[in-house]
Amino acid sequence: METYYLTPPKDIDMRIPDQAIKCVGFISHDTPTLKYIGTVFVVGVKSPMGGAYLHLVTAKHVAEAFDPGPFVIAMNGKDGRPIFLKSGGESKWWYHPTESDNVDVAVIPFATANLSAYDAEWFPEDIFATDDRIKQYGIGLGDELVTMGLFTSFHGLSKFIPVVRTGIVSMMPTDPIPTKDFGLMEAYLTEARSFGGLSGSPVFVRNTVQMPPIKDKTGELVSLAGLGKMHFFGLMHGHWNVIEQVEMHSGMSIIVPAKKILEVLHHPELEEMRKEMDRRDQEAKLPVADVARADQQSKPFTKDDFESALKKVSRKTK
């Protein structure tokens, strides 16, 4: 039996499963009238105690608009109404531990005790398109991509509605590419248009599956190919502009590879915070059933837990 991460059985016939679409939310300044400027998505980091710690991921250039300072995350609730998660005034984002100037990724724990009210999903590290996974599944040029995130011109009235964009993998260079704000950056290029609200959006890729050849009407062997599994390919950095007389969209987008996001998720400070939470659970000898979890056996930080762990880590790292 196959384990479904992004394609649960109820969505087996869908091109893009609900679980992938429900992992995203929109981010805004905490103002009387919310104006969303980017996309966030939810990732789980497994705990040895069981379950997973949930984190919000977005682009660094999006997070820097709020860091330090309050922000609002907007997602849908299970009751069909929007839910707004307000951060504290001193909320801290984590960036790449060694390449902060060249990696457009920001991470923060998903600190809410009301997780069960969210009609939200998360995906695990297992589906990240690391170098090994790319090699294993033969992911490469021409493979189909999907991106889901904020469409700033319309994101719904009674509920939040992400937009889905498609494209293909255009370049997976071994050399870093020049970018406007992040210098030489390790990245992929895709044949897919981007716009402002998609900054920070998750990008998924489907590997191409080669079928056994069959005979056509003339008796000749014909090779067939289809779409394989969904893999988390990376994060939408933005579009690639070309500068002639005026700056123009090239039709290419820049994607931060999934492996760089993993490196931020495993920032030493975040690792120590998760270990601190695991130690606390162990000392309390809490059975798995007594620990707060989401429908997918997640174990998120509550705001109090997050602040307590952060204080302990801060003391240890000084």
Protein backbone atom coordinates (compact mmCIF):
# COMPACT_ATOMS: atom_id res chain seq x y z
CA MET A 1 0.00 0.00 0.00
CA GLU A 2 1.31 3.46 -0.89
CA THR A 3 1.42 6.27 1.63
CA TYR A 4 -0.32 9.41 0.38
CA TYR A 5 1.24 12.73 1.34
CA LEU A 6 -0.12 15.20 -1.18
CA THR A 7 -2.60 12.95 -2.90
CA PRO A 8 -5.02 11.44 -0.35
CA PRO A 9 -7.36 8.75 -1.74
CA LYS A 10 -10.39 11.08 -1.91
CA ASP A 11 -8.49 13.26 -4.40
CA ILE A 12 -6.89 10.42 -6.37
CA ASP A 13 -8.39 11.59 -9.67
CA MET A 14 -7.53 15.27 -9.21
CA ARG A 15 -4.62 16.86 -11.00
CA ILE A 16 -3.90 19.09 -7.99
CA PRO A 17 -5.07 17.59 -4.67
CA ASP A 18 -6.84 19.67 -2.06
CA GLN A 19 -4.08 18.98 0.44
CA ALA A 20 -1.55 20.87 -1.66
CA ILE A 21 -3.86 23.86 -2.07
CA LYS A 22 -4.82 23.97 1.62
CA CYS A 23 -1.21 24.25 2.79
CA VAL A 24 -1.03 27.94 1.81
CA GLY A 25 -2.11 31.14 3.55
CA PHE A 26 -1.73 34.87 2.94
CA ILE A 27 0.29 37.35 5.00
CA SER A 28 -0.44 41.01 5.75
CA HIS A 29 0.65 43.81 8.06
CA ASP A 30 -1.51 44.02 11.19
CA THR A 31 -3.54 47.05 10.11
CA PRO A 32 -7.28 47.83 10.33
CA THR A 33 -7.62 47.04 6.62
CA LEU A 34 -5.58 43.97 5.77
CA LYS A 35 -3.57 44.10 2.56
CA TYR A 36 -1.94 40.81 1.67
CA ILE A 37 1.52 41.05 0.14
CA GLY A 38 2.70 37.44 -0.08
CA THR A 39 2.11 33.74 0.48
CA VAL A 40 3.08 31.43 3.33
CA PHE A 41 2.82 27.64 3.49
CA VAL A 42 2.90 25.02 6.25
CA VAL A 43 5.62 22.39 6.62
CA GLY A 44 5.98 19.76 9.34
CA VAL A 45 9.31 18.67 10.85
CA LYS A 46 8.98 15.24 12.43
CA SER A 47 9.58 14.80 16.14
CA PRO A 48 11.16 11.65 17.64
CA MET A 49 8.39 11.86 20.24
CA GLY A 50 5.81 11.41 17.49
CA GLY A 51 3.92 13.91 15.34
CA ALA A 52 5.53 16.92 13.73
CA TYR A 53 6.33 20.51 14.62
CA LEU A 54 4.63 22.86 12.22
CA HIS A 55 6.33 25.88 10.64
CA LEU A 56 5.26 28.66 8.32
CA VAL A 57 7.59 29.23 5.36
CA THR A 58 7.77 32.23 3.03
CA ALA A 59 10.33 34.24 1.08
CA LYS A 60 12.84 36.24 3.11
CA HIS A 61 12.03 39.40 1.16
CA VAL A 62 8.40 38.99 2.26
CA ALA A 63 9.25 38.33 5.94
CA GLU A 64 11.60 41.31 6.07
CA ALA A 65 8.60 43.58 5.55
CA PHE A 66 7.45 42.52 9.06
CA ASP A 67 10.66 41.62 10.87
CA PRO A 68 10.63 42.75 13.60
CA GLY A 69 6.98 43.54 14.05
CA PRO A 70 3.46 42.14 13.99
CA PHE A 71 1.79 40.43 11.06
CA VAL A 72 -1.42 38.56 10.27
CA ILE A 73 -1.73 35.14 8.62
CA ALA A 74 -5.06 34.51 6.88
CA MET A 75 -6.34 30.99 6.21
CA ASN A 76 -9.71 29.23 6.02
CA GLY A 77 -11.47 27.61 8.96
CA LYS A 78 -13.26 24.29 9.01
CA ASP A 79 -16.51 26.14 9.62
CA GLY A 80 -16.10 27.84 6.22
CA ARG A 81 -15.16 31.23 7.65
CA PRO A 82 -11.75 32.92 7.47
CA ILE A 83 -9.33 32.68 10.41
CA PHE A 84 -6.79 35.38 11.17
CA LEU A 85 -3.70 34.51 13.21
CA LYS A 86 -2.06 37.60 14.70
CA SER A 87 1.59 37.38 15.69
CA GLY A 88 3.16 39.02 18.71
CA GLY A 89 4.90 42.35 18.35
CA GLU A 90 8.38 40.81 18.66
CA SER A 91 7.88 37.77 16.44
CA LYS A 92 11.17 36.50 15.05
CA TRP A 93 11.76 34.93 11.65
CA TRP A 94 14.65 32.56 10.99
CA TYR A 95 16.77 32.86 7.85
CA HIS A 96 19.52 30.68 6.40
CA PRO A 97 22.15 30.06 9.11
CA THR A 98 25.19 30.59 6.82
CA GLU A 99 23.92 32.13 3.55
CA SER A 100 21.31 34.63 4.68
CA ASP A 101 22.25 37.17 2.00
CA ASN A 102 21.88 34.64 -0.83
CA VAL A 103 18.91 32.47 0.21
CA ASP A 104 15.41 33.97 -0.05
CA VAL A 105 13.77 31.83 2.67
CA ALA A 106 12.18 32.69 6.02
CA VAL A 107 10.73 30.31 8.62
CA ILE A 108 8.75 30.80 11.83
CA PRO A 109 7.02 28.21 14.07
CA PHE A 110 3.27 27.94 13.46
CA ALA A 111 2.40 29.10 16.98
CA THR A 112 -1.31 28.59 17.52
CA ALA A 113 -3.24 26.57 20.09
CA ASN A 114 -6.32 26.71 17.84
CA LEU A 115 -4.93 24.54 15.06
CA SER A 116 -7.90 22.16 15.01
CA ALA A 117 -10.14 25.00 13.78
CA TYR A 118 -8.08 25.50 10.61
CA ASP A 119 -9.05 23.92 7.31
CA ALA A 120 -5.35 23.72 6.59
CA GLU A 121 -2.94 20.98 5.64
CA TRP A 122 0.82 20.56 5.92
CA PHE A 123 3.37 18.49 4.09
CA PRO A 124 6.40 16.64 5.46
CA GLU A 125 10.11 16.81 4.68
CA ASP A 126 9.82 13.40 3.02
CA ILE A 127 8.57 14.90 -0.24
CA PHE A 128 11.24 17.63 -0.53
CA ALA A 129 13.06 17.39 -3.86
CA THR A 130 16.56 16.99 -2.45
CA ASP A 131 19.46 16.09 -4.74
CA ASP A 132 18.96 12.41 -3.91
CA ARG A 133 15.22 12.52 -4.58
CA ILE A 134 15.74 14.40 -7.85
CA LYS A 135 18.14 11.68 -8.95
CA GLN A 136 15.88 8.87 -7.73
CA TYR A 137 12.84 10.11 -9.66
CA GLY A 138 14.70 11.57 -12.62
CA ILE A 139 13.25 15.05 -12.10
CA GLY A 140 14.53 17.39 -14.77
CA LEU A 141 13.95 19.79 -17.63
CA GLY A 142 10.44 19.80 -19.04
CA ASP A 143 8.77 18.29 -15.98
CA GLU A 144 5.46 19.90 -15.05
CA LEU A 145 5.23 22.40 -12.19
CA VAL A 146 2.34 23.85 -10.18
CA THR A 147 2.45 26.89 -7.92
CA MET A 148 -0.34 27.97 -5.59
CA GLY A 149 -0.59 31.21 -3.69
CA LEU A 150 -1.97 34.73 -3.49
CA PHE A 151 -3.56 36.48 -6.48
CA THR A 152 -3.54 40.06 -5.24
CA SER A 153 -6.29 41.20 -7.63
CA PHE A 154 -8.80 38.71 -6.19
CA HIS A 155 -8.38 36.27 -3.31
CA GLY A 156 -12.02 35.62 -2.43
CA LEU A 157 -14.85 37.37 -0.60
CA SER A 158 -16.41 34.93 1.89
CA LYS A 159 -13.33 32.68 2.02
CA PHE A 160 -9.72 32.71 0.87
CA ILE A 161 -9.08 31.26 -2.58
CA PRO A 162 -5.50 30.58 -3.71
CA VAL A 163 -4.65 30.80 -7.39
CA VAL A 164 -2.82 27.99 -9.21
CA ARG A 165 -0.20 28.64 -11.91
CA THR A 166 1.49 25.98 -14.03
CA GLY A 167 4.74 25.73 -15.96
CA ILE A 168 7.75 23.54 -16.62
CA VAL A 169 11.28 23.19 -15.32
CA SER A 170 13.49 25.24 -17.65
CA MET A 171 16.92 25.19 -16.05
CA MET A 172 18.55 23.46 -13.09
CA PRO A 173 22.01 25.05 -13.17
CA THR A 174 24.90 23.79 -11.09
CA ASP A 175 26.21 27.36 -10.90
CA PRO A 176 24.47 30.13 -8.90
CA ILE A 177 22.46 32.63 -10.94
CA PRO A 178 22.66 36.44 -10.59
CA THR A 179 19.67 38.04 -8.87
CA LYS A 180 18.80 41.66 -8.15
CA ASP A 181 18.52 41.53 -4.36
CA PHE A 182 20.20 38.25 -3.34
CA GLY A 183 23.35 38.32 -5.45
CA LEU A 184 24.53 34.98 -6.78
CA MET A 185 21.80 32.59 -5.65
CA GLU A 186 21.44 28.82 -5.94
CA ALA A 187 18.16 28.53 -7.81
CA TYR A 188 16.14 26.88 -10.57
CA LEU A 189 14.50 28.62 -13.52
CA THR A 190 11.01 27.76 -14.67
CA GLU A 191 8.88 28.64 -17.67
CA ALA A 192 6.10 30.12 -15.57
CA ARG A 193 4.99 33.67 -15.00
CA SER A 194 5.01 35.09 -11.49
CA PHE A 195 3.54 38.20 -9.87
CA GLY A 196 3.90 39.94 -6.54
CA GLY A 197 1.49 37.90 -4.42
CA LEU A 198 3.13 34.61 -5.39
CA SER A 199 6.35 35.50 -3.58
CA GLY A 200 6.88 32.79 -0.97
CA SER A 201 4.52 30.31 -2.66
CA PRO A 202 5.26 26.57 -2.67
CA VAL A 203 6.18 25.06 -6.02
CA PHE A 204 5.54 21.38 -6.71
CA VAL A 205 6.86 19.25 -9.54
CA ARG A 206 5.65 15.97 -11.01
CA ASN A 207 8.30 13.63 -12.33
CA THR A 208 7.77 12.07 -15.75
CA VAL A 209 7.00 8.35 -15.72
CA GLN A 210 7.99 6.29 -18.75
CA MET A 211 5.43 3.61 -19.63
CA PRO A 212 6.25 0.33 -21.40
CA PRO A 213 6.06 0.86 -25.18
CA ILE A 214 2.95 -0.30 -27.00
CA LYS A 215 2.18 -0.99 -30.66
CA ASP A 216 0.18 1.53 -32.64
CA LYS A 217 -2.20 0.67 -35.51
CA THR A 218 0.69 0.16 -37.87
CA GLY A 219 2.43 -2.24 -35.51
CA GLU A 220 5.23 0.18 -34.61
CA LEU A 221 6.31 0.52 -30.99
CA VAL A 222 5.31 3.83 -29.43
CA SER A 223 6.77 5.18 -26.19
CA LEU A 224 4.34 6.64 -23.67
CA ALA A 225 4.94 8.93 -20.73
CA GLY A 226 2.77 10.20 -17.89
CA LEU A 227 2.84 12.28 -14.73
CA GLY A 228 4.29 10.75 -11.59
CA LYS A 229 4.26 11.78 -7.94
CA MET A 230 4.17 15.33 -6.63
CA HIS A 231 7.39 16.52 -5.03
CA PHE A 232 8.02 19.79 -3.25
CA PHE A 233 10.37 21.54 -5.67
CA GLY A 234 10.96 24.84 -3.90
CA LEU A 235 9.75 28.34 -3.13
CA MET A 236 8.77 31.10 -5.53
CA HIS A 237 11.36 33.89 -5.33
CA GLY A 238 9.93 35.94 -8.19
CA HIS A 239 10.16 36.55 -11.92
CA TRP A 240 13.26 37.11 -13.99
CA ASN A 241 13.27 40.54 -15.61
CA VAL A 242 15.21 41.50 -18.72
CA ILE A 243 16.41 45.08 -19.05
CA GLU A 244 16.49 46.65 -22.47
CA GLN A 245 15.00 50.14 -22.78
CA VAL A 246 12.57 49.24 -20.00
CA GLU A 247 12.46 46.41 -17.50
CA MET A 248 10.29 43.57 -18.83
CA HIS A 249 9.10 40.21 -17.54
CA SER A 250 10.97 37.46 -19.35
CA GLY A 251 8.35 34.78 -18.73
CA MET A 252 10.86 32.98 -16.49
CA SER A 253 10.56 32.58 -12.73
CA ILE A 254 13.24 31.95 -10.10
CA ILE A 255 12.70 29.11 -7.63
CA VAL A 256 14.61 28.59 -4.38
CA PRO A 257 15.43 24.84 -4.24
CA ALA A 258 13.71 22.72 -1.59
CA LYS A 259 17.06 21.68 -0.11
CA LYS A 260 17.80 25.32 0.83
CA ILE A 261 14.48 25.48 2.68
CA LEU A 262 15.43 22.33 4.59
CA GLU A 263 18.64 24.03 5.66
CA VAL A 264 16.61 26.89 7.17
CA LEU A 265 14.10 24.53 8.81
CA HIS A 266 17.08 22.86 10.49
CA HIS A 267 18.64 26.11 11.66
CA PRO A 268 20.59 25.29 14.86
CA GLU A 269 18.34 27.54 16.96
CA LEU A 270 15.15 25.93 15.64
CA GLU A 271 16.68 22.48 16.15
CA GLU A 272 17.47 23.33 19.78
CA MET A 273 13.97 24.69 20.34
CA ARG A 274 12.41 21.47 19.04
CA LYS A 275 14.76 19.40 21.21
CA GLU A 276 13.76 21.51 24.21
CA MET A 277 10.09 20.76 23.50
CA ASP A 278 10.86 17.05 23.13
CA ARG A 279 12.75 17.06 26.44
CA ARG A 280 9.80 18.78 28.11
CA ASP A 281 7.41 16.12 26.81
CA GLN A 282 9.76 13.37 27.89
CA GLU A 283 10.16 14.77 31.40
CA ALA A 284 6.42 15.13 31.74
CA LYS A 285 6.06 11.54 30.50
CA LEU A 286 3.10 12.51 28.40
CA PRO A 287 1.60 9.64 26.39
CA VAL A 288 1.27 10.36 22.68
CA ALA A 289 -2.51 10.54 22.94
CA ASP A 290 -2.33 13.37 25.50
CA VAL A 291 -0.21 15.70 23.40
CA ALA A 292 -2.10 18.25 21.28
CA ARG A 293 -2.05 17.16 17.68
CA ALA A 294 -3.60 18.06 14.37
CA ASP A 295 -5.61 15.65 12.28
CA GLN A 296 -2.37 14.46 10.68
CA GLN A 297 -0.66 13.80 14.02
CA SER A 298 1.04 17.18 14.15
CA LYS A 299 2.36 18.77 17.32
CA PRO A 300 2.49 22.55 16.85
CA PHE A 301 4.05 25.10 19.15
CA THR A 302 1.57 27.07 21.16
CA LYS A 303 2.44 30.75 21.64
CA ASP A 304 3.43 30.16 25.30
CA ASP A 305 5.54 27.11 24.41
CA PHE A 306 7.24 29.02 21.62
CA GLU A 307 8.13 32.01 23.79
CA SER A 308 9.37 29.79 26.63
CA ALA A 309 11.59 27.73 24.31
CA LEU A 310 12.88 30.86 22.61
CA LYS A 311 13.97 32.36 25.95
CA LYS A 312 15.88 29.18 26.84
CA VAL A 313 17.59 29.05 23.46
CA SER A 314 18.50 32.74 23.68
CA ARG A 315 20.20 32.16 27.01
CA LYS A 316 22.14 29.19 25.63
CA THR A 317 23.34 30.98 22.51
CA LYS A 318 24.66 34.12 24.21
